[in-house]
Amino acid sequence: MLEDNGSIRTLSVDIGGSGVKVMVLDITGKPLTERARLETPQPATPEVVINAIATLASSQGEYHRVSVGFPGVVRCGVTETAANLDQNWIGFDLATALSERLNKPVKVINDADMQGLGAIAGKGVELVITLGTGFGSALFVDGKLVPNMEMGHHLFRQGKTYEEQLGRAALEKIGDKKWNRRLQKAIASLQSLFNYDCLYIGGGEAVRVNMNLPLNVKLIPNITGLLGGIALWRD
């Protein structure tokens, strides 16, 4: 660890089904670089995604450690599910592989969890959903994360999951108006299920949300998924 903790720079990485994004943060989580992005390579195998991260990282200047948000269940740096990426991610030790590639310490967490860490107030029951290629979710109680909650793959309505009903494929198929009506039903369903104090809606498709939201529901910018990276290194 550096002698001057205030100078530690964290490379924050957000792996998505359609894009890989990076940004460097200072010790307080403030951005030090502009967000850089590459399209997620297809097929999105571990090797080509790590190559994309390394390419993006090389444009970000100095950094000392790495935080990664990954779209699936992550346990001890190992990716256990990957619904919107290549199946070779299942059981892949991303933390170790990326640490060896970048020669820096790496921590990996679910991408919705990382987005939540950048958004929550830390009080009461706070739920985060991310609308993008898929449907991500994260639950926090008094600022503490309830890990590995893949709500997107649970049934929502008409025998289909939240992801099948509200992911990007559904949005492109049914259009904004019908998608927003579905989302409104999902918000009501999640309120009765979790009795949350606040719901945060993020992800790349959150910009398509067009409705009068309840007072305890907030839209958060997609960059929050990178800003949450600093939280992985807090004691």
C-alpha atoms as a PDB file:
ATOM      1  CA  MET A   1       0.000   0.000   0.000  1.00  0.00           C
ATOM      2  CA  LEU A   2       1.214   3.510  -0.701  1.00  0.00           C
ATOM      3  CA  GLU A   3       2.545   5.601   2.168  1.00  0.00           C
ATOM      4  CA  ASP A   4       0.299   8.490   1.170  1.00  0.00           C
ATOM      5  CA  ASN A   5      -3.181   6.957   1.077  1.00  0.00           C
ATOM      6  CA  GLY A   6      -4.575  10.173  -0.380  1.00  0.00           C
ATOM      7  CA  SER A   7      -2.712   9.530  -3.633  1.00  0.00           C
ATOM      8  CA  ILE A   8      -4.170   6.059  -4.267  1.00  0.00           C
ATOM      9  CA  ARG A   9      -5.948   5.892  -7.615  1.00  0.00           C
ATOM     10  CA  THR A  10      -8.544   3.201  -8.368  1.00  0.00           C
ATOM     11  CA  LEU A  11      -9.338   1.963 -11.875  1.00  0.00           C
ATOM     12  CA  SER A  12     -13.074   1.275 -11.878  1.00  0.00           C
ATOM     13  CA  VAL A  13     -14.378  -1.153 -14.520  1.00  0.00           C
ATOM     14  CA  ASP A  14     -17.989  -1.806 -15.516  1.00  0.00           C
ATOM     15  CA  ILE A  15     -18.498  -4.916 -17.686  1.00  0.00           C
ATOM     16  CA  GLY A  16     -21.843  -4.868 -19.480  1.00  0.00           C
ATOM     17  CA  GLY A  17     -23.541  -6.969 -22.101  1.00  0.00           C
ATOM     18  CA  SER A  18     -23.095  -4.200 -24.679  1.00  0.00           C
ATOM     19  CA  GLY A  19     -20.176  -2.117 -23.397  1.00  0.00           C
ATOM     20  CA  VAL A  20     -17.056  -2.237 -21.208  1.00  0.00           C
ATOM     21  CA  LYS A  21     -16.397   1.059 -19.399  1.00  0.00           C
ATOM     22  CA  VAL A  22     -13.501   2.310 -17.265  1.00  0.00           C
ATOM     23  CA  MET A  23     -12.604   5.406 -15.253  1.00  0.00           C
ATOM     24  CA  VAL A  24      -9.984   6.299 -12.618  1.00  0.00           C
ATOM     25  CA  LEU A  25     -11.211   7.522  -9.212  1.00  0.00           C
ATOM     26  CA  ASP A  26      -9.365   9.277  -6.400  1.00  0.00           C
ATOM     27  CA  ILE A  27      -9.461   8.047  -2.778  1.00  0.00           C
ATOM     28  CA  THR A  28     -12.817   9.796  -2.206  1.00  0.00           C
ATOM     29  CA  GLY A  29     -14.414   8.323  -5.335  1.00  0.00           C
ATOM     30  CA  LYS A  30     -14.136  11.499  -7.414  1.00  0.00           C
ATOM     31  CA  PRO A  31     -13.441  10.882 -11.136  1.00  0.00           C
ATOM     32  CA  LEU A  32      -9.912  11.744 -12.249  1.00  0.00           C
ATOM     33  CA  THR A  33     -10.341  10.708 -15.898  1.00  0.00           C
ATOM     34  CA  GLU A  34     -13.080  10.781 -18.514  1.00  0.00           C
ATOM     35  CA  ARG A  35     -15.058   7.576 -18.878  1.00  0.00           C
ATOM     36  CA  ALA A  36     -13.662   5.385 -21.683  1.00  0.00           C
ATOM     37  CA  ARG A  37     -15.769   2.737 -23.402  1.00  0.00           C
ATOM     38  CA  LEU A  38     -15.461  -0.113 -25.879  1.00  0.00           C
ATOM     39  CA  GLU A  39     -18.218  -2.280 -27.306  1.00  0.00           C
ATOM     40  CA  THR A  40     -18.301  -5.626 -25.506  1.00  0.00           C
ATOM     41  CA  PRO A  41     -16.538  -8.066 -27.875  1.00  0.00           C
ATOM     42  CA  GLN A  42     -18.679 -10.893 -29.252  1.00  0.00           C
ATOM     43  CA  PRO A  43     -18.562 -13.668 -28.317  1.00  0.00           C
ATOM     44  CA  ALA A  44     -17.804 -12.139 -24.905  1.00  0.00           C
ATOM     45  CA  THR A  45     -15.301 -14.734 -23.642  1.00  0.00           C
ATOM     46  CA  PRO A  46     -13.117 -13.982 -20.596  1.00  0.00           C
ATOM     47  CA  GLU A  47      -9.996 -13.595 -22.766  1.00  0.00           C
ATOM     48  CA  VAL A  48     -11.405 -10.966 -25.140  1.00  0.00           C
ATOM     49  CA  VAL A  49     -13.137  -9.005 -22.362  1.00  0.00           C
ATOM     50  CA  ILE A  50      -9.897  -8.917 -20.346  1.00  0.00           C
ATOM     51  CA  ASN A  51      -8.119  -7.728 -23.504  1.00  0.00           C
ATOM     52  CA  ALA A  52     -10.696  -4.918 -23.825  1.00  0.00           C
ATOM     53  CA  ILE A  53     -10.192  -3.923 -20.174  1.00  0.00           C
ATOM     54  CA  ALA A  54      -6.400  -3.890 -20.651  1.00  0.00           C
ATOM     55  CA  THR A  55      -6.751  -1.719 -23.768  1.00  0.00           C
ATOM     56  CA  LEU A  56      -8.998   0.765 -21.944  1.00  0.00           C
ATOM     57  CA  ALA A  57      -6.777   0.746 -18.852  1.00  0.00           C
ATOM     58  CA  SER A  58      -3.735   1.702 -20.931  1.00  0.00           C
ATOM     59  CA  SER A  59      -5.452   5.017 -21.774  1.00  0.00           C
ATOM     60  CA  GLN A  60      -6.208   5.967 -18.162  1.00  0.00           C
ATOM     61  CA  GLY A  61      -2.764   6.880 -16.823  1.00  0.00           C
ATOM     62  CA  GLU A  62      -1.550   5.801 -13.393  1.00  0.00           C
ATOM     63  CA  TYR A  63      -3.670   3.670 -11.063  1.00  0.00           C
ATOM     64  CA  HIS A  64      -2.838   1.390  -8.127  1.00  0.00           C
ATOM     65  CA  ARG A  65      -5.780  -0.991  -7.759  1.00  0.00           C
ATOM     66  CA  VAL A  66      -8.807  -2.156  -9.735  1.00  0.00           C
ATOM     67  CA  SER A  67     -12.540  -2.522  -8.980  1.00  0.00           C
ATOM     68  CA  VAL A  68     -14.742  -4.489 -11.380  1.00  0.00           C
ATOM     69  CA  GLY A  69     -18.515  -4.694 -11.693  1.00  0.00           C
ATOM     70  CA  PHE A  70     -19.554  -7.923 -13.461  1.00  0.00           C
ATOM     71  CA  PRO A  71     -23.060  -8.830 -14.744  1.00  0.00           C
ATOM     72  CA  GLY A  72     -23.607 -12.017 -12.749  1.00  0.00           C
ATOM     73  CA  VAL A  73     -23.096 -13.675  -9.386  1.00  0.00           C
ATOM     74  CA  VAL A  74     -19.542 -13.157  -8.059  1.00  0.00           C
ATOM     75  CA  ARG A  75     -18.070 -15.044  -5.100  1.00  0.00           C
ATOM     76  CA  CYS A  76     -14.496 -14.389  -3.911  1.00  0.00           C
ATOM     77  CA  GLY A  77     -13.540 -12.950  -7.302  1.00  0.00           C
ATOM     78  CA  VAL A  78     -14.947 -15.937  -9.228  1.00  0.00           C
ATOM     79  CA  THR A  79     -17.807 -15.324 -11.672  1.00  0.00           C
ATOM     80  CA  GLU A  80     -20.494 -17.965 -11.115  1.00  0.00           C
ATOM     81  CA  THR A  81     -23.181 -16.898 -13.616  1.00  0.00           C
ATOM     82  CA  ALA A  82     -23.079 -14.940 -16.887  1.00  0.00           C
ATOM     83  CA  ALA A  83     -26.522 -14.803 -18.488  1.00  0.00           C
ATOM     84  CA  ASN A  84     -25.585 -12.082 -21.002  1.00  0.00           C
ATOM     85  CA  LEU A  85     -21.966 -13.081 -21.679  1.00  0.00           C
ATOM     86  CA  ASP A  86     -20.162 -16.228 -22.818  1.00  0.00           C
ATOM     87  CA  GLN A  87     -20.687 -19.392 -20.749  1.00  0.00           C
ATOM     88  CA  ASN A  88     -16.904 -19.715 -20.255  1.00  0.00           C
ATOM     89  CA  TRP A  89     -17.309 -17.123 -17.482  1.00  0.00           C
ATOM     90  CA  ILE A  90     -19.002 -19.695 -15.242  1.00  0.00           C
ATOM     91  CA  GLY A  91     -16.417 -20.646 -12.619  1.00  0.00           C
ATOM     92  CA  PHE A  92     -13.815 -18.185 -13.987  1.00  0.00           C
ATOM     93  CA  ASP A  93     -11.444 -16.515 -11.478  1.00  0.00           C
ATOM     94  CA  LEU A  94     -11.691 -13.001 -12.892  1.00  0.00           C
ATOM     95  CA  ALA A  95      -9.971 -11.306  -9.949  1.00  0.00           C
ATOM     96  CA  THR A  96      -6.832 -13.435 -10.301  1.00  0.00           C
ATOM     97  CA  ALA A  97      -6.736 -13.383 -14.114  1.00  0.00           C
ATOM     98  CA  LEU A  98      -7.148  -9.603 -14.343  1.00  0.00           C
ATOM     99  CA  SER A  99      -4.691  -8.998 -11.498  1.00  0.00           C
ATOM    100  CA  GLU A 100      -2.064 -11.028 -13.365  1.00  0.00           C
ATOM    101  CA  ARG A 101      -2.801  -9.166 -16.615  1.00  0.00           C
ATOM    102  CA  LEU A 102      -2.694  -5.638 -15.115  1.00  0.00           C
ATOM    103  CA  ASN A 103      -0.191  -6.413 -12.320  1.00  0.00           C
ATOM    104  CA  LYS A 104      -2.474  -4.692  -9.781  1.00  0.00           C
ATOM    105  CA  PRO A 105      -4.708  -5.916  -6.942  1.00  0.00           C
ATOM    106  CA  VAL A 106      -8.251  -6.521  -8.200  1.00  0.00           C
ATOM    107  CA  LYS A 107     -11.636  -6.830  -6.479  1.00  0.00           C
ATOM    108  CA  VAL A 108     -14.734  -8.004  -8.358  1.00  0.00           C
ATOM    109  CA  ILE A 109     -18.392  -7.593  -7.426  1.00  0.00           C
ATOM    110  CA  ASN A 110     -21.746  -7.863  -9.179  1.00  0.00           C
ATOM    111  CA  ASP A 111     -22.320  -4.815 -11.410  1.00  0.00           C
ATOM    112  CA  ALA A 112     -25.665  -3.855  -9.845  1.00  0.00           C
ATOM    113  CA  ASP A 113     -24.079  -4.154  -6.399  1.00  0.00           C
ATOM    114  CA  MET A 114     -21.331  -1.755  -7.504  1.00  0.00           C
ATOM    115  CA  GLN A 115     -23.902   0.636  -8.956  1.00  0.00           C
ATOM    116  CA  GLY A 116     -25.758   0.532  -5.660  1.00  0.00           C
ATOM    117  CA  LEU A 117     -22.620   1.282  -3.667  1.00  0.00           C
ATOM    118  CA  GLY A 118     -22.286   4.468  -5.706  1.00  0.00           C
ATOM    119  CA  ALA A 119     -25.911   5.509  -5.129  1.00  0.00           C
ATOM    120  CA  ILE A 120     -27.274   4.511  -1.729  1.00  0.00           C
ATOM    121  CA  ALA A 121     -27.698   6.739   1.316  1.00  0.00           C
ATOM    122  CA  GLY A 122     -26.964   3.872   3.709  1.00  0.00           C
ATOM    123  CA  LYS A 123     -30.211   4.118   5.666  1.00  0.00           C
ATOM    124  CA  GLY A 124     -33.072   1.647   5.810  1.00  0.00           C
ATOM    125  CA  VAL A 125     -33.969  -0.780   3.038  1.00  0.00           C
ATOM    126  CA  GLU A 126     -32.600   0.390  -0.327  1.00  0.00           C
ATOM    127  CA  LEU A 127     -33.179  -1.531  -3.556  1.00  0.00           C
ATOM    128  CA  VAL A 128     -31.285  -0.919  -6.800  1.00  0.00           C
ATOM    129  CA  ILE A 129     -32.343  -2.181 -10.227  1.00  0.00           C
ATOM    130  CA  THR A 130     -30.342  -1.723 -13.423  1.00  0.00           C
ATOM    131  CA  LEU A 131     -32.019  -1.688 -16.818  1.00  0.00           C
ATOM    132  CA  GLY A 132     -29.687  -2.604 -19.658  1.00  0.00           C
ATOM    133  CA  THR A 133     -28.979  -5.698 -21.720  1.00  0.00           C
ATOM    134  CA  GLY A 134     -30.410  -7.561 -18.748  1.00  0.00           C
ATOM    135  CA  PHE A 135     -32.042  -6.663 -15.431  1.00  0.00           C
ATOM    136  CA  GLY A 136     -29.696  -6.276 -12.482  1.00  0.00           C
ATOM    137  CA  SER A 137     -30.606  -5.921  -8.823  1.00  0.00           C
ATOM    138  CA  ALA A 138     -28.995  -5.165  -5.480  1.00  0.00           C
ATOM    139  CA  LEU A 139     -30.445  -4.945  -1.979  1.00  0.00           C
ATOM    140  CA  PHE A 140     -28.951  -2.985   0.917  1.00  0.00           C
ATOM    141  CA  VAL A 141     -30.069  -2.830   4.556  1.00  0.00           C
ATOM    142  CA  ASP A 142     -28.632   0.123   6.503  1.00  0.00           C
ATOM    143  CA  GLY A 143     -25.836   0.311   3.947  1.00  0.00           C
ATOM    144  CA  LYS A 144     -24.931  -3.377   4.145  1.00  0.00           C
ATOM    145  CA  LEU A 145     -25.189  -5.393   0.950  1.00  0.00           C
ATOM    146  CA  VAL A 146     -27.308  -8.549   0.754  1.00  0.00           C
ATOM    147  CA  PRO A 147     -25.066 -10.449  -1.713  1.00  0.00           C
ATOM    148  CA  ASN A 148     -25.840 -12.541  -4.793  1.00  0.00           C
ATOM    149  CA  MET A 149     -29.453 -11.505  -5.303  1.00  0.00           C
ATOM    150  CA  GLU A 150     -30.134 -12.268  -8.980  1.00  0.00           C
ATOM    151  CA  MET A 151     -33.719 -11.030  -8.995  1.00  0.00           C
ATOM    152  CA  GLY A 152     -33.735 -10.510 -12.762  1.00  0.00           C
ATOM    153  CA  HIS A 153     -34.089 -14.258 -13.299  1.00  0.00           C
ATOM    154  CA  HIS A 154     -37.105 -14.609 -10.995  1.00  0.00           C
ATOM    155  CA  LEU A 155     -40.623 -14.737 -12.372  1.00  0.00           C
ATOM    156  CA  PHE A 156     -42.349 -11.382 -12.766  1.00  0.00           C
ATOM    157  CA  ARG A 157     -45.501 -11.818 -14.864  1.00  0.00           C
ATOM    158  CA  GLN A 158     -47.065 -14.075 -17.514  1.00  0.00           C
ATOM    159  CA  GLY A 159     -44.615 -16.830 -16.655  1.00  0.00           C
ATOM    160  CA  LYS A 160     -41.623 -14.694 -17.628  1.00  0.00           C
ATOM    161  CA  THR A 161     -38.771 -13.190 -15.602  1.00  0.00           C
ATOM    162  CA  TYR A 162     -38.038  -9.539 -14.901  1.00  0.00           C
ATOM    163  CA  GLU A 163     -35.189  -9.752 -17.420  1.00  0.00           C
ATOM    164  CA  GLU A 164     -37.361 -11.321 -20.125  1.00  0.00           C
ATOM    165  CA  GLN A 165     -40.022  -8.658 -19.602  1.00  0.00           C
ATOM    166  CA  LEU A 166     -37.807  -5.586 -19.088  1.00  0.00           C
ATOM    167  CA  GLY A 167     -34.386  -6.330 -20.655  1.00  0.00           C
ATOM    168  CA  ARG A 168     -33.178  -4.565 -23.791  1.00  0.00           C
ATOM    169  CA  ALA A 169     -34.558  -7.251 -26.123  1.00  0.00           C
ATOM    170  CA  ALA A 170     -38.060  -6.745 -24.706  1.00  0.00           C
ATOM    171  CA  LEU A 171     -37.734  -2.963 -24.918  1.00  0.00           C
ATOM    172  CA  GLU A 172     -36.751  -3.112 -28.579  1.00  0.00           C
ATOM    173  CA  LYS A 173     -39.577  -5.542 -29.318  1.00  0.00           C
ATOM    174  CA  ILE A 174     -42.475  -3.744 -27.580  1.00  0.00           C
ATOM    175  CA  GLY A 175     -41.346  -0.094 -27.620  1.00  0.00           C
ATOM    176  CA  ASP A 176     -40.974   2.569 -24.950  1.00  0.00           C
ATOM    177  CA  LYS A 177     -44.647   3.083 -24.088  1.00  0.00           C
ATOM    178  CA  LYS A 178     -45.503  -0.550 -23.308  1.00  0.00           C
ATOM    179  CA  TRP A 179     -42.120  -1.095 -21.650  1.00  0.00           C
ATOM    180  CA  ASN A 180     -42.761   1.832 -19.309  1.00  0.00           C
ATOM    181  CA  ARG A 181     -46.152   0.359 -18.369  1.00  0.00           C
ATOM    182  CA  ARG A 182     -44.433  -2.928 -17.537  1.00  0.00           C
ATOM    183  CA  LEU A 183     -41.819  -1.103 -15.493  1.00  0.00           C
ATOM    184  CA  GLN A 184     -44.555   0.688 -13.556  1.00  0.00           C
ATOM    185  CA  LYS A 185     -46.039  -2.697 -12.639  1.00  0.00           C
ATOM    186  CA  ALA A 186     -42.591  -3.958 -11.638  1.00  0.00           C
ATOM    187  CA  ILE A 187     -42.045  -0.959  -9.341  1.00  0.00           C
ATOM    188  CA  ALA A 188     -45.369  -1.638  -7.595  1.00  0.00           C
ATOM    189  CA  SER A 189     -44.542  -5.347  -7.311  1.00  0.00           C
ATOM    190  CA  LEU A 190     -41.085  -4.667  -5.848  1.00  0.00           C
ATOM    191  CA  GLN A 191     -42.490  -2.156  -3.341  1.00  0.00           C
ATOM    192  CA  SER A 192     -44.930  -4.744  -1.976  1.00  0.00           C
ATOM    193  CA  LEU A 193     -42.217  -7.451  -1.968  1.00  0.00           C
ATOM    194  CA  PHE A 194     -39.379  -5.526  -0.284  1.00  0.00           C
ATOM    195  CA  ASN A 195     -41.168  -2.595   1.395  1.00  0.00           C
ATOM    196  CA  TYR A 196     -38.100  -0.569   0.471  1.00  0.00           C
ATOM    197  CA  ASP A 197     -37.441   2.945   1.762  1.00  0.00           C
ATOM    198  CA  CYS A 198     -35.916   3.896  -1.582  1.00  0.00           C
ATOM    199  CA  LEU A 199     -35.632   2.337  -5.018  1.00  0.00           C
ATOM    200  CA  TYR A 200     -32.846   3.457  -7.364  1.00  0.00           C
ATOM    201  CA  ILE A 201     -33.162   2.805 -11.107  1.00  0.00           C
ATOM    202  CA  GLY A 202     -29.947   2.851 -13.145  1.00  0.00           C
ATOM    203  CA  GLY A 203     -28.354   1.171 -16.151  1.00  0.00           C
ATOM    204  CA  GLY A 204     -28.056   2.175 -19.791  1.00  0.00           C
ATOM    205  CA  GLU A 205     -31.807   2.072 -20.490  1.00  0.00           C
ATOM    206  CA  ALA A 206     -32.835   4.151 -17.454  1.00  0.00           C
ATOM    207  CA  VAL A 207     -32.848   7.142 -19.827  1.00  0.00           C
ATOM    208  CA  ARG A 208     -35.934   5.572 -21.465  1.00  0.00           C
ATOM    209  CA  VAL A 209     -37.961   5.750 -18.248  1.00  0.00           C
ATOM    210  CA  ASN A 210     -40.859   8.119 -18.886  1.00  0.00           C
ATOM    211  CA  MET A 211     -43.433   8.187 -16.090  1.00  0.00           C
ATOM    212  CA  ASN A 212     -44.305   9.957 -12.870  1.00  0.00           C
ATOM    213  CA  LEU A 213     -42.212   8.048 -10.345  1.00  0.00           C
ATOM    214  CA  PRO A 214     -43.203   7.626  -6.683  1.00  0.00           C
ATOM    215  CA  LEU A 215     -41.357   9.946  -4.295  1.00  0.00           C
ATOM    216  CA  ASN A 216     -39.196   7.094  -2.992  1.00  0.00           C
ATOM    217  CA  VAL A 217     -38.000   6.074  -6.477  1.00  0.00           C
ATOM    218  CA  LYS A 218     -34.968   7.815  -8.011  1.00  0.00           C
ATOM    219  CA  LEU A 219     -33.261   7.598 -11.387  1.00  0.00           C
ATOM    220  CA  ILE A 220     -29.463   7.424 -11.183  1.00  0.00           C
ATOM    221  CA  PRO A 221     -27.006   8.050 -14.047  1.00  0.00           C
ATOM    222  CA  ASN A 222     -25.237   5.081 -15.652  1.00  0.00           C
ATOM    223  CA  ILE A 223     -21.853   6.421 -14.527  1.00  0.00           C
ATOM    224  CA  THR A 224     -22.855   5.460 -10.956  1.00  0.00           C
ATOM    225  CA  GLY A 225     -21.807   1.912 -11.891  1.00  0.00           C
ATOM    226  CA  LEU A 226     -18.218   3.157 -12.054  1.00  0.00           C
ATOM    227  CA  LEU A 227     -18.387   5.573  -9.114  1.00  0.00           C
ATOM    228  CA  GLY A 228     -19.290   2.715  -6.783  1.00  0.00           C
ATOM    229  CA  GLY A 229     -15.901   1.116  -7.437  1.00  0.00           C
ATOM    230  CA  ILE A 230     -14.229   3.041  -4.624  1.00  0.00           C
ATOM    231  CA  ALA A 231     -16.471   1.351  -2.048  1.00  0.00           C
ATOM    232  CA  LEU A 232     -14.878  -2.053  -2.676  1.00  0.00           C
ATOM    233  CA  TRP A 233     -11.705  -0.837  -0.956  1.00  0.00           C
ATOM    234  CA  ARG A 234     -13.255   0.713   2.131  1.00  0.00           C
ATOM    235  CA  ASP A 235     -12.427  -1.017   5.412  1.00  0.00           C
END
